[in-house]
PDB file of all heavy atoms in Angstrom:
ATOM      1  N   ILE A   1      -1.741  18.817  27.722  1.00  0.00           N
ATOM      2  CA  ILE A   1      -0.932  18.740  28.927  1.00  0.00           C
ATOM      3  C   ILE A   1      -1.298  20.058  29.678  1.00  0.00           C
ATOM      4  O   ILE A   1      -1.004  21.160  29.158  1.00  0.00           O
ATOM      5  CB  ILE A   1       0.592  18.720  28.613  1.00  0.00           C
ATOM      6  CG1 ILE A   1       0.921  17.471  27.818  1.00  0.00           C
ATOM      7  CG2 ILE A   1       1.381  18.802  29.894  1.00  0.00           C
ATOM      8  CD1 ILE A   1       0.640  16.187  28.526  1.00  0.00           C
ATOM      9  N   LYS A   2      -1.853  19.915  30.888  1.00  0.00           N
ATOM     10  CA  LYS A   2      -2.230  21.056  31.677  1.00  0.00           C
ATOM     11  C   LYS A   2      -1.277  21.180  32.828  1.00  0.00           C
ATOM     12  O   LYS A   2      -1.467  20.612  33.883  1.00  0.00           O
ATOM     13  CB  LYS A   2      -3.615  20.946  32.109  1.00  0.00           C
ATOM     14  CG  LYS A   2      -4.604  20.947  30.975  1.00  0.00           C
ATOM     15  CD  LYS A   2      -6.027  21.093  31.405  1.00  0.00           C
ATOM     16  CE  LYS A   2      -6.918  21.206  30.230  1.00  0.00           C
ATOM     17  NZ  LYS A   2      -7.670  22.387  30.208  1.00  0.00           N
ATOM     18  N   ALA A   3      -0.168  21.925  32.545  1.00  0.00           N
ATOM     19  CA  ALA A   3       0.834  22.069  33.583  1.00  0.00           C
ATOM     20  C   ALA A   3       1.338  23.541  33.739  1.00  0.00           C
ATOM     21  O   ALA A   3       2.499  23.739  33.953  1.00  0.00           O
ATOM     22  CB  ALA A   3       2.049  21.164  33.272  1.00  0.00           C
ATOM     23  N   ALA A   4       0.413  24.420  33.566  1.00  0.00           N
ATOM     24  CA  ALA A   4       0.719  25.873  33.704  1.00  0.00           C
ATOM     25  C   ALA A   4       1.871  26.267  32.855  1.00  0.00           C
ATOM     26  O   ALA A   4       2.010  25.901  31.721  1.00  0.00           O
ATOM     27  CB  ALA A   4       0.833  26.247  35.137  1.00  0.00           C
ATOM     28  N   CYS A   5       2.807  27.045  33.452  1.00  0.00           N
ATOM     29  CA  CYS A   5       3.949  27.612  32.744  1.00  0.00           C
ATOM     30  C   CYS A   5       4.874  26.587  32.081  1.00  0.00           C
ATOM     31  O   CYS A   5       5.502  26.866  31.107  1.00  0.00           O
ATOM     32  CB  CYS A   5       4.752  28.496  33.681  1.00  0.00           C
ATOM     33  SG  CYS A   5       3.844  29.892  34.325  1.00  0.00           S
ATOM     34  N   SER A   6       4.903  25.426  32.666  1.00  0.00           N
ATOM     35  CA  SER A   6       5.849  24.376  32.106  1.00  0.00           C
ATOM     36  C   SER A   6       5.170  23.439  31.143  1.00  0.00           C
ATOM     37  O   SER A   6       5.825  22.497  30.636  1.00  0.00           O
ATOM     38  CB  SER A   6       6.436  23.547  33.285  1.00  0.00           C
ATOM     39  OG  SER A   6       5.387  22.971  34.041  1.00  0.00           O
ATOM     40  N   ALA A   7       3.916  23.683  30.777  1.00  0.00           N
ATOM     41  CA  ALA A   7       3.196  22.729  29.904  1.00  0.00           C
ATOM     42  C   ALA A   7       3.820  22.530  28.537  1.00  0.00           C
ATOM     43  O   ALA A   7       3.942  21.412  28.046  1.00  0.00           O
ATOM     44  CB  ALA A   7       1.730  23.185  29.712  1.00  0.00           C
ATOM     45  N   PHE A   8       4.364  23.599  27.949  1.00  0.00           N
ATOM     46  CA  PHE A   8       4.988  23.403  26.625  1.00  0.00           C
ATOM     47  C   PHE A   8       6.307  22.658  26.745  1.00  0.00           C
ATOM     48  O   PHE A   8       6.556  21.764  25.875  1.00  0.00           O
ATOM     49  CB  PHE A   8       5.287  24.807  25.985  1.00  0.00           C
ATOM     50  CG  PHE A   8       5.835  24.737  24.619  1.00  0.00           C
ATOM     51  CD1 PHE A   8       5.051  24.298  23.550  1.00  0.00           C
ATOM     52  CD2 PHE A   8       7.210  24.994  24.353  1.00  0.00           C
ATOM     53  CE1 PHE A   8       5.531  24.205  22.272  1.00  0.00           C
ATOM     54  CE2 PHE A   8       7.686  24.914  23.109  1.00  0.00           C
ATOM     55  CZ  PHE A   8       6.910  24.515  22.031  1.00  0.00           C
ATOM     56  N   ILE A   9       7.066  22.840  27.784  1.00  0.00           N
ATOM     57  CA  ILE A   9       8.322  22.078  27.927  1.00  0.00           C
ATOM     58  C   ILE A   9       7.975  20.597  28.149  1.00  0.00           C
ATOM     59  O   ILE A   9       8.646  19.722  27.579  1.00  0.00           O
ATOM     60  CB  ILE A   9       9.137  22.644  29.101  1.00  0.00           C
ATOM     61  CG1 ILE A   9       9.543  24.122  28.833  1.00  0.00           C
ATOM     62  CG2 ILE A   9      10.362  21.784  29.409  1.00  0.00           C
ATOM     63  CD1 ILE A   9      10.324  24.325  27.590  1.00  0.00           C
ATOM     64  N   TYR A  10       7.003  20.340  29.012  1.00  0.00           N
ATOM     65  CA  TYR A  10       6.556  18.957  29.206  1.00  0.00           C
ATOM     66  C   TYR A  10       6.108  18.343  27.891  1.00  0.00           C
ATOM     67  O   TYR A  10       6.392  17.195  27.610  1.00  0.00           O
ATOM     68  CB  TYR A  10       5.438  18.841  30.260  1.00  0.00           C
ATOM     69  CG  TYR A  10       5.963  18.963  31.677  1.00  0.00           C
ATOM     70  CD1 TYR A  10       5.364  19.833  32.578  1.00  0.00           C
ATOM     71  CD2 TYR A  10       7.044  18.154  32.151  1.00  0.00           C
ATOM     72  CE1 TYR A  10       5.787  19.923  33.922  1.00  0.00           C
ATOM     73  CE2 TYR A  10       7.433  18.240  33.470  1.00  0.00           C
ATOM     74  CZ  TYR A  10       6.845  19.135  34.323  1.00  0.00           C
ATOM     75  OH  TYR A  10       7.258  19.240  35.617  1.00  0.00           O
ATOM     76  N   SER A  11       5.329  19.110  27.131  1.00  0.00           N
ATOM     77  CA  SER A  11       4.832  18.586  25.836  1.00  0.00           C
ATOM     78  C   SER A  11       5.973  18.239  24.879  1.00  0.00           C
ATOM     79  O   SER A  11       5.945  17.188  24.226  1.00  0.00           O
ATOM     80  CB  SER A  11       3.928  19.637  25.159  1.00  0.00           C
ATOM     81  OG  SER A  11       2.807  19.924  25.956  1.00  0.00           O
ATOM     82  N   LEU A  12       7.027  19.111  24.824  1.00  0.00           N
ATOM     83  CA  LEU A  12       8.193  18.765  24.028  1.00  0.00           C
ATOM     84  C   LEU A  12       8.881  17.501  24.504  1.00  0.00           C
ATOM     85  O   LEU A  12       9.312  16.707  23.752  1.00  0.00           O
ATOM     86  CB  LEU A  12       9.206  19.954  24.040  1.00  0.00           C
ATOM     87  CG  LEU A  12       8.894  21.149  23.226  1.00  0.00           C
ATOM     88  CD1 LEU A  12       9.940  22.244  23.491  1.00  0.00           C
ATOM     89  CD2 LEU A  12       8.939  20.819  21.716  1.00  0.00           C
ATOM     90  N   SER A  13       8.987  17.346  25.798  1.00  0.00           N
ATOM     91  CA  SER A  13       9.620  16.195  26.413  1.00  0.00           C
ATOM     92  C   SER A  13       8.835  14.929  26.099  1.00  0.00           C
ATOM     93  O   SER A  13       9.437  13.862  25.718  1.00  0.00           O
ATOM     94  CB  SER A  13       9.751  16.366  27.894  1.00  0.00           C
ATOM     95  OG  SER A  13      10.268  15.200  28.490  1.00  0.00           O
ATOM     96  N   ILE A  14       7.581  14.950  26.172  1.00  0.00           N
ATOM     97  CA  ILE A  14       6.715  13.799  25.819  1.00  0.00           C
ATOM     98  C   ILE A  14       6.841  13.476  24.361  1.00  0.00           C
ATOM     99  O   ILE A  14       6.978  12.295  23.960  1.00  0.00           O
ATOM    100  CB  ILE A  14       5.272  14.069  26.252  1.00  0.00           C
ATOM    101  CG1 ILE A  14       5.169  14.169  27.787  1.00  0.00           C
ATOM    102  CG2 ILE A  14       4.349  13.017  25.698  1.00  0.00           C
ATOM    103  CD1 ILE A  14       3.845  14.734  28.287  1.00  0.00           C
ATOM    104  N   ALA A  15       6.806  14.496  23.510  1.00  0.00           N
ATOM    105  CA  ALA A  15       7.003  14.302  22.095  1.00  0.00           C
ATOM    106  C   ALA A  15       8.313  13.626  21.795  1.00  0.00           C
ATOM    107  O   ALA A  15       8.369  12.673  20.936  1.00  0.00           O
ATOM    108  CB  ALA A  15       6.849  15.612  21.341  1.00  0.00           C
ATOM    109  N   ASP A  16       9.380  14.077  22.429  1.00  0.00           N
ATOM    110  CA  ASP A  16      10.653  13.531  22.220  1.00  0.00           C
ATOM    111  C   ASP A  16      10.668  12.024  22.536  1.00  0.00           C
ATOM    112  O   ASP A  16      11.258  11.214  21.820  1.00  0.00           O
ATOM    113  CB  ASP A  16      11.663  14.262  23.109  1.00  0.00           C
ATOM    114  CG  ASP A  16      13.057  13.743  23.059  1.00  0.00           C
ATOM    115  OD1 ASP A  16      13.617  13.639  21.965  1.00  0.00           O
ATOM    116  OD2 ASP A  16      13.638  13.410  24.192  1.00  0.00           O
ATOM    117  N   GLN A  17       9.987  11.608  23.579  1.00  0.00           N
ATOM    118  CA  GLN A  17       9.910  10.174  23.925  1.00  0.00           C
ATOM    119  C   GLN A  17       9.179   9.394  22.936  1.00  0.00           C
ATOM    120  O   GLN A  17       9.554   8.284  22.605  1.00  0.00           O
ATOM    121  CB  GLN A  17       9.332   9.979  25.333  1.00  0.00           C
ATOM    122  CG  GLN A  17      10.198  10.605  26.455  1.00  0.00           C
ATOM    123  CD  GLN A  17      11.632  10.178  26.407  1.00  0.00           C
ATOM    124  OE1 GLN A  17      11.954   8.975  26.350  1.00  0.00           O
ATOM    125  NE2 GLN A  17      12.474  11.151  26.362  1.00  0.00           N
ATOM    126  N   PHE A  18       8.089   9.936  22.388  1.00  0.00           N
ATOM    127  CA  PHE A  18       7.315   9.222  21.320  1.00  0.00           C
ATOM    128  C   PHE A  18       8.189   9.064  20.053  1.00  0.00           C
ATOM    129  O   PHE A  18       8.142   7.986  19.410  1.00  0.00           O
ATOM    130  CB  PHE A  18       6.011   9.940  21.018  1.00  0.00           C
ATOM    131  CG  PHE A  18       4.879   9.560  21.891  1.00  0.00           C
ATOM    132  CD1 PHE A  18       4.507  10.390  22.919  1.00  0.00           C
ATOM    133  CD2 PHE A  18       4.176   8.408  21.603  1.00  0.00           C
ATOM    134  CE1 PHE A  18       3.423  10.016  23.737  1.00  0.00           C
ATOM    135  CE2 PHE A  18       3.080   8.042  22.440  1.00  0.00           C
ATOM    136  CZ  PHE A  18       2.731   8.884  23.541  1.00  0.00           C
ATOM    137  N   ILE A  19       8.963  10.086  19.686  1.00  0.00           N
ATOM    138  CA  ILE A  19       9.837  10.007  18.556  1.00  0.00           C
ATOM    139  C   ILE A  19      10.970   9.000  18.842  1.00  0.00           C
ATOM    140  O   ILE A  19      11.248   8.096  17.988  1.00  0.00           O
ATOM    141  CB  ILE A  19      10.472  11.417  18.248  1.00  0.00           C
ATOM    142  CG1 ILE A  19       9.437  12.444  17.922  1.00  0.00           C
ATOM    143  CG2 ILE A  19      11.576  11.263  17.159  1.00  0.00           C
ATOM    144  CD1 ILE A  19       8.720  12.291  16.611  1.00  0.00           C
ATOM    145  N   LYS A  20      11.606   9.079  19.962  1.00  0.00           N
ATOM    146  CA  LYS A  20      12.762   8.193  20.266  1.00  0.00           C
ATOM    147  C   LYS A  20      12.392   6.721  20.313  1.00  0.00           C
ATOM    148  O   LYS A  20      13.195   5.879  19.999  1.00  0.00           O
ATOM    149  CB  LYS A  20      13.478   8.588  21.582  1.00  0.00           C
ATOM    150  CG  LYS A  20      14.303   9.819  21.434  1.00  0.00           C
ATOM    151  CD  LYS A  20      14.945  10.218  22.755  1.00  0.00           C
ATOM    152  CE  LYS A  20      15.834  11.414  22.545  1.00  0.00           C
ATOM    153  NZ  LYS A  20      16.397  11.857  23.808  1.00  0.00           N
ATOM    154  N   THR A  21      11.157   6.428  20.770  1.00  0.00           N
ATOM    155  CA  THR A  21      10.729   5.054  20.838  1.00  0.00           C
ATOM    156  C   THR A  21      10.128   4.559  19.519  1.00  0.00           C
ATOM    157  O   THR A  21       9.746   3.408  19.429  1.00  0.00           O
ATOM    158  CB  THR A  21       9.689   4.876  21.954  1.00  0.00           C
ATOM    159  OG1 THR A  21       8.556   5.690  21.632  1.00  0.00           O
ATOM    160  CG2 THR A  21      10.270   5.186  23.299  1.00  0.00           C
ATOM    161  N   GLY A  22      10.027   5.416  18.530  1.00  0.00           N
ATOM    162  CA  GLY A  22       9.479   4.981  17.214  1.00  0.00           C
ATOM    163  C   GLY A  22       7.964   4.963  17.144  1.00  0.00           C
ATOM    164  O   GLY A  22       7.413   4.438  16.185  1.00  0.00           O
ATOM    165  N   MET A  23       7.307   5.468  18.189  1.00  0.00           N
ATOM    166  CA  MET A  23       5.892   5.420  18.203  1.00  0.00           C
ATOM    167  C   MET A  23       5.236   6.514  17.361  1.00  0.00           C
ATOM    168  O   MET A  23       4.057   6.436  17.038  1.00  0.00           O
ATOM    169  CB  MET A  23       5.375   5.585  19.702  1.00  0.00           C
ATOM    170  CG  MET A  23       5.791   4.450  20.606  1.00  0.00           C
ATOM    171  SD  MET A  23       4.991   2.909  20.184  1.00  0.00           S
ATOM    172  CE  MET A  23       3.296   3.312  20.549  1.00  0.00           C
ATOM    173  N   ALA A  24       6.075   7.526  17.000  1.00  0.00           N
ATOM    174  CA  ALA A  24       5.548   8.607  16.171  1.00  0.00           C
ATOM    175  C   ALA A  24       6.704   9.175  15.364  1.00  0.00           C
ATOM    176  O   ALA A  24       7.905   9.048  15.708  1.00  0.00           O
ATOM    177  CB  ALA A  24       4.932   9.733  17.010  1.00  0.00           C
ATOM    178  N   THR A  25       6.422   9.807  14.248  1.00  0.00           N
ATOM    179  CA  THR A  25       7.448  10.390  13.389  1.00  0.00           C
ATOM    180  C   THR A  25       7.361  11.926  13.397  1.00  0.00           C
ATOM    181  O   THR A  25       8.335  12.645  13.582  1.00  0.00           O
ATOM    182  CB  THR A  25       7.297   9.899  11.961  1.00  0.00           C
ATOM    183  OG1 THR A  25       7.323   8.485  11.916  1.00  0.00           O
ATOM    184  CG2 THR A  25       8.364  10.434  11.056  1.00  0.00           C
ATOM    185  N   ASN A  26       6.159  12.498  13.174  1.00  0.00           N
ATOM    186  CA  ASN A  26       5.922  13.968  13.119  1.00  0.00           C
ATOM    187  C   ASN A  26       4.891  14.331  14.174  1.00  0.00           C
ATOM    188  O   ASN A  26       3.705  13.923  13.970  1.00  0.00           O
ATOM    189  CB  ASN A  26       5.517  14.416  11.745  1.00  0.00           C
ATOM    190  CG  ASN A  26       6.592  14.289  10.711  1.00  0.00           C
ATOM    191  OD1 ASN A  26       7.727  14.696  10.903  1.00  0.00           O
ATOM    192  ND2 ASN A  26       6.241  13.733   9.558  1.00  0.00           N
ATOM    193  N   ILE A  27       5.253  15.001  15.168  1.00  0.00           N
ATOM    194  CA  ILE A  27       4.344  15.420  16.222  1.00  0.00           C
ATOM    195  C   ILE A  27       4.196  16.916  16.196  1.00  0.00           C
ATOM    196  O   ILE A  27       5.180  17.685  16.225  1.00  0.00           O
ATOM    197  CB  ILE A  27       4.830  14.951  17.604  1.00  0.00           C
ATOM    198  CG1 ILE A  27       5.008  13.389  17.570  1.00  0.00           C
ATOM    199  CG2 ILE A  27       3.849  15.397  18.694  1.00  0.00           C
ATOM    200  CD1 ILE A  27       5.610  12.861  18.880  1.00  0.00           C
ATOM    201  N   LEU A  28       2.935  17.371  16.138  1.00  0.00           N
ATOM    202  CA  LEU A  28       2.658  18.775  16.268  1.00  0.00           C
ATOM    203  C   LEU A  28       2.537  19.105  17.792  1.00  0.00           C
ATOM    204  O   LEU A  28       1.700  18.639  18.451  1.00  0.00           O
ATOM    205  CB  LEU A  28       1.339  19.106  15.581  1.00  0.00           C
ATOM    206  CG  LEU A  28       0.899  20.579  15.696  1.00  0.00           C
ATOM    207  CD1 LEU A  28       1.816  21.518  15.042  1.00  0.00           C
ATOM    208  CD2 LEU A  28      -0.532  20.676  15.050  1.00  0.00           C
ATOM    209  N   VAL A  29       3.479  19.930  18.294  1.00  0.00           N
ATOM    210  CA  VAL A  29       3.493  20.379  19.663  1.00  0.00           C
ATOM    211  C   VAL A  29       3.156  21.815  19.722  1.00  0.00           C
ATOM    212  O   VAL A  29       3.749  22.666  19.026  1.00  0.00           O
ATOM    213  CB  VAL A  29       4.897  20.115  20.362  1.00  0.00           C
ATOM    214  CG1 VAL A  29       4.856  20.591  21.775  1.00  0.00           C
ATOM    215  CG2 VAL A  29       5.219  18.626  20.265  1.00  0.00           C
ATOM    216  N   VAL A  30       2.131  22.130  20.505  1.00  0.00           N
ATOM    217  CA  VAL A  30       1.622  23.502  20.507  1.00  0.00           C
ATOM    218  C   VAL A  30       1.473  23.986  21.961  1.00  0.00           C
ATOM    219  O   VAL A  30       1.086  23.299  22.811  1.00  0.00           O
ATOM    220  CB  VAL A  30       0.206  23.574  19.844  1.00  0.00           C
ATOM    221  CG1 VAL A  30      -0.337  25.028  19.843  1.00  0.00           C
ATOM    222  CG2 VAL A  30       0.212  23.020  18.452  1.00  0.00           C
ATOM    223  N   GLY A  31       1.909  25.224  22.139  1.00  0.00           N
ATOM    224  CA  GLY A  31       1.720  25.930  23.430  1.00  0.00           C
ATOM    225  C   GLY A  31       0.822  27.103  23.149  1.00  0.00           C
ATOM    226  O   GLY A  31       1.133  27.933  22.289  1.00  0.00           O
ATOM    227  N   ALA A  32      -0.349  27.216  23.820  1.00  0.00           N
ATOM    228  CA  ALA A  32      -1.260  28.298  23.591  1.00  0.00           C
ATOM    229  C   ALA A  32      -1.982  28.689  24.903  1.00  0.00           C
ATOM    230  O   ALA A  32      -2.435  27.745  25.610  1.00  0.00           O
ATOM    231  CB  ALA A  32      -2.272  27.969  22.522  1.00  0.00           C
ATOM    232  N   GLU A  33      -2.132  29.930  25.145  1.00  0.00           N
ATOM    233  CA  GLU A  33      -2.853  30.434  26.359  1.00  0.00           C
ATOM    234  C   GLU A  33      -3.637  31.669  25.995  1.00  0.00           C
ATOM    235  O   GLU A  33      -3.146  32.531  25.321  1.00  0.00           O
ATOM    236  CB  GLU A  33      -1.848  30.756  27.468  1.00  0.00           C
ATOM    237  CG  GLU A  33      -1.051  29.637  28.003  1.00  0.00           C
ATOM    238  CD  GLU A  33      -1.848  28.663  28.847  1.00  0.00           C
ATOM    239  OE1 GLU A  33      -3.031  28.905  29.166  1.00  0.00           O
ATOM    240  OE2 GLU A  33      -1.288  27.619  29.175  1.00  0.00           O
ATOM    241  N   VAL A  34      -4.838  31.755  26.549  1.00  0.00           N
ATOM    242  CA  VAL A  34      -5.616  32.967  26.555  1.00  0.00           C
ATOM    243  C   VAL A  34      -6.114  33.180  27.927  1.00  0.00           C
ATOM    244  O   VAL A  34      -7.020  32.459  28.395  1.00  0.00           O
ATOM    245  CB  VAL A  34      -6.845  32.922  25.548  1.00  0.00           C
ATOM    246  CG1 VAL A  34      -7.680  34.089  25.711  1.00  0.00           C
ATOM    247  CG2 VAL A  34      -6.373  32.799  24.122  1.00  0.00           C
ATOM    248  N   GLN A  35      -5.488  34.057  28.696  1.00  0.00           N
ATOM    249  CA  GLN A  35      -5.833  34.274  30.136  1.00  0.00           C
ATOM    250  C   GLN A  35      -6.626  35.598  30.372  1.00  0.00           C
ATOM    251  O   GLN A  35      -6.972  35.803  31.446  1.00  0.00           O
ATOM    252  CB  GLN A  35      -4.574  34.154  30.973  1.00  0.00           C
ATOM    253  CG  GLN A  35      -4.001  32.748  30.924  1.00  0.00           C
ATOM    254  CD  GLN A  35      -2.842  32.594  31.891  1.00  0.00           C
ATOM    255  OE1 GLN A  35      -2.418  33.513  32.538  1.00  0.00           O
ATOM    256  NE2 GLN A  35      -2.302  31.400  31.879  1.00  0.00           N
ATOM    257  N   THR A  36      -6.738  36.401  29.328  1.00  0.00           N
ATOM    258  CA  THR A  36      -7.384  37.638  29.417  1.00  0.00           C
ATOM    259  C   THR A  36      -8.785  37.492  30.103  1.00  0.00           C
ATOM    260  O   THR A  36      -9.079  38.329  30.996  1.00  0.00           O
ATOM    261  CB  THR A  36      -7.522  38.345  28.097  1.00  0.00           C
ATOM    262  OG1 THR A  36      -6.253  38.385  27.457  1.00  0.00           O
ATOM    263  CG2 THR A  36      -8.048  39.771  28.204  1.00  0.00           C
ATOM    264  N   PRO A  37      -9.652  36.577  29.669  1.00  0.00           N
ATOM    265  CA  PRO A  37     -10.984  36.477  30.290  1.00  0.00           C
ATOM    266  C   PRO A  37     -10.949  36.181  31.837  1.00  0.00           C
ATOM    267  O   PRO A  37     -11.913  36.501  32.471  1.00  0.00           O
ATOM    268  CB  PRO A  37     -11.607  35.290  29.622  1.00  0.00           C
ATOM    269  CG  PRO A  37     -10.833  35.141  28.320  1.00  0.00           C
ATOM    270  CD  PRO A  37      -9.467  35.572  28.635  1.00  0.00           C
ATOM    271  N   GLN A  38      -9.826  35.654  32.334  1.00  0.00           N
ATOM    272  CA  GLN A  38      -9.803  35.361  33.779  1.00  0.00           C
ATOM    273  C   GLN A  38      -9.354  36.594  34.586  1.00  0.00           C
ATOM    274  O   GLN A  38      -9.396  36.504  35.849  1.00  0.00           O
ATOM    275  CB  GLN A  38      -8.775  34.224  34.039  1.00  0.00           C
ATOM    276  CG  GLN A  38      -9.275  32.880  33.733  1.00  0.00           C
ATOM    277  CD  GLN A  38      -9.285  32.597  32.216  1.00  0.00           C
ATOM    278  OE1 GLN A  38      -8.348  32.922  31.544  1.00  0.00           O
ATOM    279  NE2 GLN A  38     -10.302  31.898  31.692  1.00  0.00           N
ATOM    280  N   LEU A  39      -8.989  37.654  33.978  1.00  0.00           N
ATOM    281  CA  LEU A  39      -8.524  38.846  34.685  1.00  0.00           C
ATOM    282  C   LEU A  39      -9.642  39.767  34.970  1.00  0.00           C
ATOM    283  O   LEU A  39     -10.445  40.121  34.102  1.00  0.00           O
ATOM    284  CB  LEU A  39      -7.408  39.532  33.850  1.00  0.00           C
ATOM    285  CG  LEU A  39      -6.181  38.763  33.487  1.00  0.00           C
ATOM    286  CD1 LEU A  39      -5.295  39.510  32.637  1.00  0.00           C
ATOM    287  CD2 LEU A  39      -5.480  38.324  34.790  1.00  0.00           C
ATOM    288  N   ASP A  40      -9.760  40.208  36.222  1.00  0.00           N
ATOM    289  CA  ASP A  40     -10.784  41.127  36.669  1.00  0.00           C
ATOM    290  C   ASP A  40     -10.100  42.268  37.398  1.00  0.00           C
ATOM    291  O   ASP A  40      -9.709  42.093  38.516  1.00  0.00           O
ATOM    292  CB  ASP A  40     -11.772  40.405  37.571  1.00  0.00           C
ATOM    293  CG  ASP A  40     -12.926  41.322  38.078  1.00  0.00           C
ATOM    294  OD1 ASP A  40     -12.972  42.479  37.648  1.00  0.00           O
ATOM    295  OD2 ASP A  40     -13.742  40.770  38.835  1.00  0.00           O
TER     296      ASP A  40
END
């Protein structure tokens, strides 16, 4: 999910829907950023 600062929250929300609908049981939700290379 590429949604900048809110990506992790959106990811949790999507995972919640997959769990609630029975489409998944255990979902690994990860938020990770490395922005150092973009800084000049």
